[in-house]
């Protein structure tokens, strides 16, 4: 397929700038992928679409406060530093993006905090904006990360046109998040409240978790028209034996297996065996999914409404049928659904 096939008109005012007042009370569009039928519901109504023995698979990655603001040595110029991932814990080496990149060269020192007590040195250039930083901190790793994260801000997507607040530290995060490493929240999972998870449990719907540390590659612009030539950034993925057993048993019993979010959909597609069952996985994935694609494990999908041209929209279209999904998105715009990470949800069954 072509990149231009994922263009649609999205008014700026429909891109959500704040989360819904309550996690499970955002709107939810239900799309029946075989017929294209659409229903308009609230998210907490998702309970009505699943039964005893069905399985929901969540991504339990945890977003860390990756956005820092520092000052360049001598000039005092304000520099934005986006932490991507820790490369070496022992010598406190990090892969980062910097802005403005033209001002930051190898050997420069950056100072963070009101008292500038956190110092980092640039030791390598990786991409046009990418740098490798070594933090000059004398102390154990746990203390270093506590002090570093105390200086950080929630890494909201660029289409949210405001600075992060304390509320974002809670809401740009799933309530079951536990494995730190993401800079992008698995937005579909943020709609689940503790009460809703409990009600699903009481109904007999099983809950299991994989870990995929979602990165900025989800938002990177695609610069090729031919989608077969696009390359995704790699993300760390762990699919446990416990998840494998739970999902494969549900599949064999012909129960529903619901992927909560595109990261889960990609994770399961990465870990699937030739026979159509899951197998344990601990490594990296750069799997890029777009139509047509044959999903052999997931039978339903929860996802937010994604922006035009995004890789996440392509994955949703691959799962829900391109024509049905693009029509549903047109309806969502007409009905003033909210788009983006803080927007409304879609259930595809």
Protein backbone atom coordinates (compact mmCIF):
# COMPACT_ATOMS: atom_id res chain seq x y z
CA UNK A 1 0.00 0.00 0.00
CA UNK A 2 0.95 3.66 -0.35
CA UNK A 3 1.50 6.29 2.33
CA UNK A 4 -1.02 8.61 0.66
CA UNK A 5 -3.79 6.07 1.30
CA UNK A 6 -3.63 6.93 5.00
CA UNK A 7 -4.42 10.60 4.62
CA UNK A 8 -7.67 11.92 6.03
CA UNK A 9 -8.97 15.29 7.16
CA UNK A 10 -8.48 15.84 10.88
CA UNK A 11 -9.36 19.27 12.33
CA UNK A 12 -6.85 20.41 14.95
CA UNK A 13 -9.60 20.91 17.51
CA UNK A 14 -10.28 17.14 17.54
CA UNK A 15 -6.76 16.31 18.75
CA UNK A 16 -7.23 15.87 22.50
CA UNK A 17 -5.02 18.13 24.63
CA UNK A 18 -6.16 16.70 27.98
CA UNK A 19 -7.42 13.29 29.15
CA UNK A 20 -11.06 12.57 29.89
CA UNK A 21 -12.15 13.32 33.45
CA UNK A 22 -12.37 9.59 34.22
CA UNK A 23 -10.35 6.88 32.51
CA UNK A 24 -13.22 4.59 31.56
CA UNK A 25 -15.69 7.29 30.54
CA UNK A 26 -14.16 8.35 27.25
CA UNK A 27 -16.20 7.56 24.17
CA UNK A 28 -15.74 4.27 22.36
CA UNK A 29 -16.57 3.43 18.77
CA UNK A 30 -17.19 -0.26 18.17
CA UNK A 31 -16.34 -1.48 14.66
CA UNK A 32 -17.47 -4.92 13.52
CA UNK A 33 -14.72 -5.82 11.10
CA UNK A 34 -16.63 -8.39 9.10
CA UNK A 35 -19.59 -6.15 8.30
CA UNK A 36 -18.31 -2.61 8.88
CA UNK A 37 -21.17 -1.94 11.31
CA UNK A 38 -20.43 0.87 13.78
CA UNK A 39 -21.75 1.43 17.31
CA UNK A 40 -21.22 4.47 19.54
CA UNK A 41 -20.67 3.62 23.20
CA UNK A 42 -18.75 4.65 26.33
CA UNK A 43 -15.50 2.88 27.09
CA UNK A 44 -16.81 1.18 30.22
CA UNK A 45 -19.35 -0.59 27.98
CA UNK A 46 -16.46 -2.75 26.73
CA UNK A 47 -17.54 -5.14 29.48
CA UNK A 48 -20.52 -6.14 27.33
CA UNK A 49 -18.36 -7.47 24.49
CA UNK A 50 -16.35 -10.07 26.41
CA UNK A 51 -17.25 -13.23 28.29
CA UNK A 52 -15.92 -15.89 30.65
CA UNK A 53 -12.68 -17.39 29.31
CA UNK A 54 -11.85 -14.55 26.95
CA UNK A 55 -8.40 -13.00 27.33
CA UNK A 56 -7.23 -9.39 27.26
CA UNK A 57 -3.53 -8.81 26.64
CA UNK A 58 -2.06 -5.55 27.99
CA UNK A 59 1.30 -3.83 27.68
CA UNK A 60 2.69 -3.19 31.16
CA UNK A 61 5.53 -0.91 30.08
CA UNK A 62 6.02 2.17 32.24
CA UNK A 63 6.69 5.64 30.85
CA UNK A 64 9.53 7.44 32.56
CA UNK A 65 9.99 11.26 32.78
CA UNK A 66 12.19 11.46 29.71
CA UNK A 67 12.10 15.17 28.91
CA UNK A 68 14.81 17.33 30.50
CA UNK A 69 15.78 20.97 30.16
CA UNK A 70 19.41 21.91 30.69
CA UNK A 71 21.92 24.64 30.05
CA UNK A 72 25.00 24.46 27.86
CA UNK A 73 28.32 25.23 29.55
CA UNK A 74 29.74 28.75 29.07
CA UNK A 75 26.90 30.09 26.90
CA UNK A 76 24.04 29.04 29.22
CA UNK A 77 21.88 28.29 26.17
CA UNK A 78 18.70 26.35 27.05
CA UNK A 79 18.84 22.82 25.65
CA UNK A 80 16.03 20.27 25.48
CA UNK A 81 17.20 16.71 26.10
CA UNK A 82 14.94 13.74 25.41
CA UNK A 83 16.13 10.55 27.10
CA UNK A 84 15.58 7.54 24.84
CA UNK A 85 17.19 4.66 26.67
CA UNK A 86 19.96 3.77 29.06
CA UNK A 87 22.92 2.24 27.22
CA UNK A 88 25.20 1.38 30.13
CA UNK A 89 24.11 1.57 33.77
CA UNK A 90 27.61 1.32 35.20
CA UNK A 91 29.00 4.41 33.47
CA UNK A 92 25.59 6.16 33.22
CA UNK A 93 25.52 6.28 29.43
CA UNK A 94 22.31 7.35 27.69
CA UNK A 95 21.01 7.58 24.14
CA UNK A 96 19.25 10.96 23.79
CA UNK A 97 17.87 13.52 21.37
CA UNK A 98 18.84 17.17 21.76
CA UNK A 99 17.27 20.40 20.53
CA UNK A 100 18.65 22.65 19.11
CA UNK A 101 21.09 20.00 17.89
CA UNK A 102 23.35 22.39 15.98
CA UNK A 103 24.60 23.85 19.27
CA UNK A 104 25.62 20.54 20.82
CA UNK A 105 28.98 18.99 19.93
CA UNK A 106 31.15 16.21 21.29
CA UNK A 107 32.88 17.37 24.45
CA UNK A 108 30.18 19.87 25.46
CA UNK A 109 28.85 19.71 29.00
CA UNK A 110 25.20 20.18 29.90
CA UNK A 111 23.95 21.24 33.34
CA UNK A 112 20.55 20.32 34.78
CA UNK A 113 18.57 21.48 37.82
CA UNK A 114 18.25 24.82 39.53
CA UNK A 115 21.62 24.31 41.18
CA UNK A 116 23.08 22.68 38.01
CA UNK A 117 24.21 19.74 40.14
CA UNK A 118 23.38 17.16 37.45
CA UNK A 119 26.06 17.29 34.73
CA UNK A 120 26.36 15.33 31.48
CA UNK A 121 29.06 15.26 28.82
CA UNK A 122 28.41 14.67 25.11
CA UNK A 123 30.61 11.81 23.99
CA UNK A 124 29.18 10.89 20.57
CA UNK A 125 26.89 11.97 17.71
CA UNK A 126 24.48 9.24 16.61
CA UNK A 127 22.05 10.99 14.22
CA UNK A 128 21.32 14.59 13.24
CA UNK A 129 19.63 15.13 16.61
CA UNK A 130 20.92 12.07 18.42
CA UNK A 131 23.71 12.18 20.96
CA UNK A 132 25.26 9.86 23.53
CA UNK A 133 25.54 11.45 26.98
CA UNK A 134 27.58 10.31 29.96
CA UNK A 135 26.24 11.63 33.23
CA UNK A 136 28.99 12.66 35.61
CA UNK A 137 27.35 11.44 38.80
CA UNK A 138 29.12 9.88 41.72
CA UNK A 139 26.68 7.55 43.41
CA UNK A 140 24.71 4.29 43.04
CA UNK A 141 22.44 3.73 40.05
CA UNK A 142 19.18 3.87 42.02
CA UNK A 143 20.08 7.23 43.55
CA UNK A 144 21.22 8.57 40.18
CA UNK A 145 17.99 7.59 38.44
CA UNK A 146 15.89 9.01 41.27
CA UNK A 147 17.70 12.34 41.00
CA UNK A 148 17.64 12.30 37.20
CA UNK A 149 13.92 11.53 36.99
CA UNK A 150 13.17 14.22 39.58
CA UNK A 151 14.40 16.71 36.97
CA UNK A 152 12.36 15.15 34.15
CA UNK A 153 8.95 15.86 32.68
CA UNK A 154 6.34 13.54 31.16
CA UNK A 155 7.19 13.11 27.43
CA UNK A 156 3.88 14.14 25.89
CA UNK A 157 3.53 13.74 22.11
CA UNK A 158 4.37 16.83 20.07
CA UNK A 159 0.76 17.22 18.92
CA UNK A 160 -0.21 18.04 22.52
CA UNK A 161 0.55 21.74 22.43
CA UNK A 162 1.24 22.45 26.07
CA UNK A 163 3.79 21.66 28.73
CA UNK A 164 3.35 18.59 30.90
CA UNK A 165 1.80 18.94 34.35
CA UNK A 166 1.71 16.75 37.46
CA UNK A 167 -1.58 15.28 36.24
CA UNK A 168 0.16 13.98 33.13
CA UNK A 169 2.60 11.95 35.24
CA UNK A 170 -0.43 9.91 36.35
CA UNK A 171 -2.69 10.00 33.30
CA UNK A 172 -0.09 9.44 30.55
CA UNK A 173 0.42 6.03 32.12
CA UNK A 174 -1.56 2.81 32.54
CA UNK A 175 -2.58 1.97 36.09
CA UNK A 176 -0.93 -1.46 35.71
CA UNK A 177 2.38 -0.08 34.36
CA UNK A 178 5.32 -1.69 36.13
CA UNK A 179 8.28 -2.28 33.77
CA UNK A 180 10.03 1.01 33.14
CA UNK A 181 11.36 1.79 29.70
CA UNK A 182 8.80 3.54 27.46
CA UNK A 183 8.78 7.13 26.22
CA UNK A 184 5.38 6.63 24.56
CA UNK A 185 2.39 5.49 26.61
CA UNK A 186 0.38 2.49 25.35
CA UNK A 187 -2.65 4.74 25.07
CA UNK A 188 -5.32 2.07 24.67
CA UNK A 189 -4.49 0.72 28.12
CA UNK A 190 -4.93 4.11 29.79
CA UNK A 191 -8.72 3.81 29.44
CA UNK A 192 -8.88 0.94 31.94
CA UNK A 193 -9.75 1.95 35.50
CA UNK A 194 -9.25 -0.29 38.51
CA UNK A 195 -13.02 -0.71 38.78
CA UNK A 196 -13.35 -1.77 35.14
CA UNK A 197 -10.49 -4.26 35.43
CA UNK A 198 -12.15 -5.73 38.51
CA UNK A 199 -15.51 -6.05 36.76
CA UNK A 200 -13.82 -7.81 33.84
CA UNK A 201 -12.12 -10.17 36.29
CA UNK A 202 -15.43 -10.94 38.02
CA UNK A 203 -16.95 -11.73 34.63
CA UNK A 204 -14.19 -14.27 34.02
CA UNK A 205 -12.19 -12.30 31.45
CA UNK A 206 -8.53 -13.17 31.96
CA UNK A 207 -5.84 -10.49 31.99
CA UNK A 208 -2.25 -11.07 30.96
CA UNK A 209 0.68 -8.79 30.16
CA UNK A 210 3.56 -8.46 27.76
CA UNK A 211 6.18 -5.73 27.90
CA UNK A 212 7.05 -3.65 24.85
CA UNK A 213 8.93 -0.43 25.52
CA UNK A 214 7.25 1.92 23.05
CA UNK A 215 9.59 4.49 21.53
CA UNK A 216 9.49 7.62 19.40
CA UNK A 217 9.57 5.52 16.23
CA UNK A 218 5.79 5.31 16.61
CA UNK A 219 5.61 9.04 15.81
CA UNK A 220 8.47 9.29 13.30
CA UNK A 221 7.29 10.61 9.96
CA UNK A 222 7.34 8.13 7.09
CA UNK A 223 9.30 9.66 4.21
CA UNK A 224 8.60 7.04 1.52
CA UNK A 225 5.40 6.57 -0.49
CA UNK A 226 6.00 2.83 -0.89
CA UNK A 227 5.38 1.40 2.58
CA UNK A 228 7.47 -1.71 1.89
CA UNK A 229 10.53 0.57 2.02
CA UNK A 230 9.84 2.00 5.49
CA UNK A 231 11.91 0.70 8.40
CA UNK A 232 10.60 0.84 11.96
CA UNK A 233 12.79 1.60 14.95
CA UNK A 234 13.43 -1.44 17.16
CA UNK A 235 11.62 -1.79 20.49
CA UNK A 236 12.44 -4.13 23.36
CA UNK A 237 9.84 -6.89 23.74
CA UNK A 238 9.25 -9.57 26.38
CA UNK A 239 6.52 -12.21 25.95
CA UNK A 240 6.49 -14.47 28.99
CA UNK A 241 5.74 -18.22 29.10
CA UNK A 242 2.76 -17.44 31.37
CA UNK A 243 1.24 -15.15 28.73
CA UNK A 244 1.92 -17.74 26.03
CA UNK A 245 0.12 -20.47 27.97
CA UNK A 246 -2.89 -18.24 28.73
CA UNK A 247 -3.31 -16.99 25.17
CA UNK A 248 -2.73 -20.34 23.47
CA UNK A 249 -5.27 -22.03 25.76
CA UNK A 250 -7.86 -19.36 24.90
CA UNK A 251 -7.10 -19.71 21.20
CA UNK A 252 -7.49 -23.50 21.34
CA UNK A 253 -10.81 -23.05 23.20
CA UNK A 254 -11.96 -20.60 20.49
CA UNK A 255 -12.24 -17.76 22.99
CA UNK A 256 -11.55 -14.12 22.20
CA UNK A 257 -7.98 -12.83 22.44
CA UNK A 258 -8.09 -9.04 22.64
CA UNK A 259 -4.95 -7.01 21.97
CA UNK A 260 -5.15 -3.83 24.05
CA UNK A 261 -3.19 -1.44 21.88
CA UNK A 262 -1.12 -1.60 18.72
CA UNK A 263 2.04 -2.35 20.70
CA UNK A 264 0.40 -5.56 21.96
CA UNK A 265 -0.79 -6.41 18.46
CA UNK A 266 2.76 -6.00 17.11
CA UNK A 267 4.25 -7.86 20.07
CA UNK A 268 2.03 -10.89 19.56
CA UNK A 269 2.61 -10.83 15.81
CA UNK A 270 6.35 -10.89 16.51
CA UNK A 271 6.08 -13.85 18.90
CA UNK A 272 3.76 -16.02 16.82
CA UNK A 273 5.04 -19.41 15.60
CA UNK A 274 4.53 -21.02 12.21
CA UNK A 275 1.62 -22.99 13.66
CA UNK A 276 -0.27 -19.84 14.65
CA UNK A 277 0.40 -20.11 18.39
CA UNK A 278 2.47 -17.79 20.54
CA UNK A 279 5.91 -18.72 21.80
CA UNK A 280 8.01 -16.97 24.48
CA UNK A 281 10.10 -14.07 23.24
CA UNK A 282 12.76 -11.87 24.80
CA UNK A 283 14.48 -9.52 22.40
CA UNK A 284 13.77 -6.67 19.99
CA UNK A 285 11.13 -6.10 17.34
CA UNK A 286 10.99 -3.71 14.41
CA UNK A 287 7.99 -5.37 12.82
CA UNK A 288 6.08 -2.95 10.58
CA UNK A 289 2.50 -4.03 9.95
CA UNK A 290 0.28 -2.55 7.25
CA UNK A 291 -2.51 -3.94 5.04
CA UNK A 292 -2.86 -6.66 4.02
CA UNK A 293 -1.76 -8.74 7.00
CA UNK A 294 -3.03 -12.02 8.40
CA UNK A 295 -3.36 -11.95 12.20
CA UNK A 296 -3.49 -15.49 13.60
CA UNK A 297 -3.76 -14.81 17.35
CA UNK A 298 -5.70 -11.62 18.16
CA UNK A 299 -9.44 -11.71 17.47
CA UNK A 300 -10.19 -8.17 18.69
CA UNK A 301 -8.32 -4.92 19.21
CA UNK A 302 -8.63 -1.85 21.41
CA UNK A 303 -6.90 1.24 20.05
CA UNK A 304 -7.14 5.00 20.19
CA UNK A 305 -7.84 7.13 17.12
CA UNK A 306 -4.50 7.80 15.45
CA UNK A 307 -3.32 10.74 13.38
CA UNK A 308 -3.04 10.68 9.57
CA UNK A 309 -0.08 8.81 8.06
CA UNK A 310 0.83 7.16 11.38
CA UNK A 311 2.21 3.62 11.58
CA UNK A 312 -0.36 2.90 14.29
CA UNK A 313 -3.24 3.81 11.95
CA UNK A 314 -1.74 1.44 9.37
CA UNK A 315 -1.70 -1.40 11.89
CA UNK A 316 -5.31 -0.73 12.89
CA UNK A 317 -6.32 -0.73 9.21
CA UNK A 318 -4.50 -4.03 8.69
CA UNK A 319 -6.50 -5.58 11.53
CA UNK A 320 -9.92 -4.05 10.96
CA UNK A 321 -9.99 -3.96 7.12
CA UNK A 322 -8.66 -0.85 5.38
CA UNK A 323 -11.98 0.29 3.92
CA UNK A 324 -13.93 -0.30 7.14
CA UNK A 325 -11.34 1.50 9.28
CA UNK A 326 -10.98 4.54 7.02
CA UNK A 327 -14.78 4.84 6.85
CA UNK A 328 -14.93 4.57 10.64
CA UNK A 329 -12.35 7.34 10.96
CA UNK A 330 -14.43 9.54 8.67
CA UNK A 331 -17.43 8.88 10.93
CA UNK A 332 -15.31 9.64 14.00
CA UNK A 333 -14.44 13.05 12.60
CA UNK A 334 -18.11 13.75 11.79
CA UNK A 335 -19.15 12.68 15.31
CA UNK A 336 -16.40 14.76 16.93
CA UNK A 337 -14.51 11.91 18.57
CA UNK A 338 -11.24 12.93 20.22
CA UNK A 339 -8.02 11.80 18.57
CA UNK A 340 -4.52 11.02 19.82
CA UNK A 341 -3.07 9.59 23.03
CA UNK A 342 -5.58 11.44 25.22
CA UNK A 343 -8.45 10.81 22.85
CA UNK A 344 -11.29 8.31 22.57
CA UNK A 345 -11.06 4.60 21.84
CA UNK A 346 -12.07 2.15 19.16
CA UNK A 347 -12.92 -1.49 19.76
CA UNK A 348 -12.62 -3.69 16.68
CA UNK A 349 -14.34 -7.06 17.01
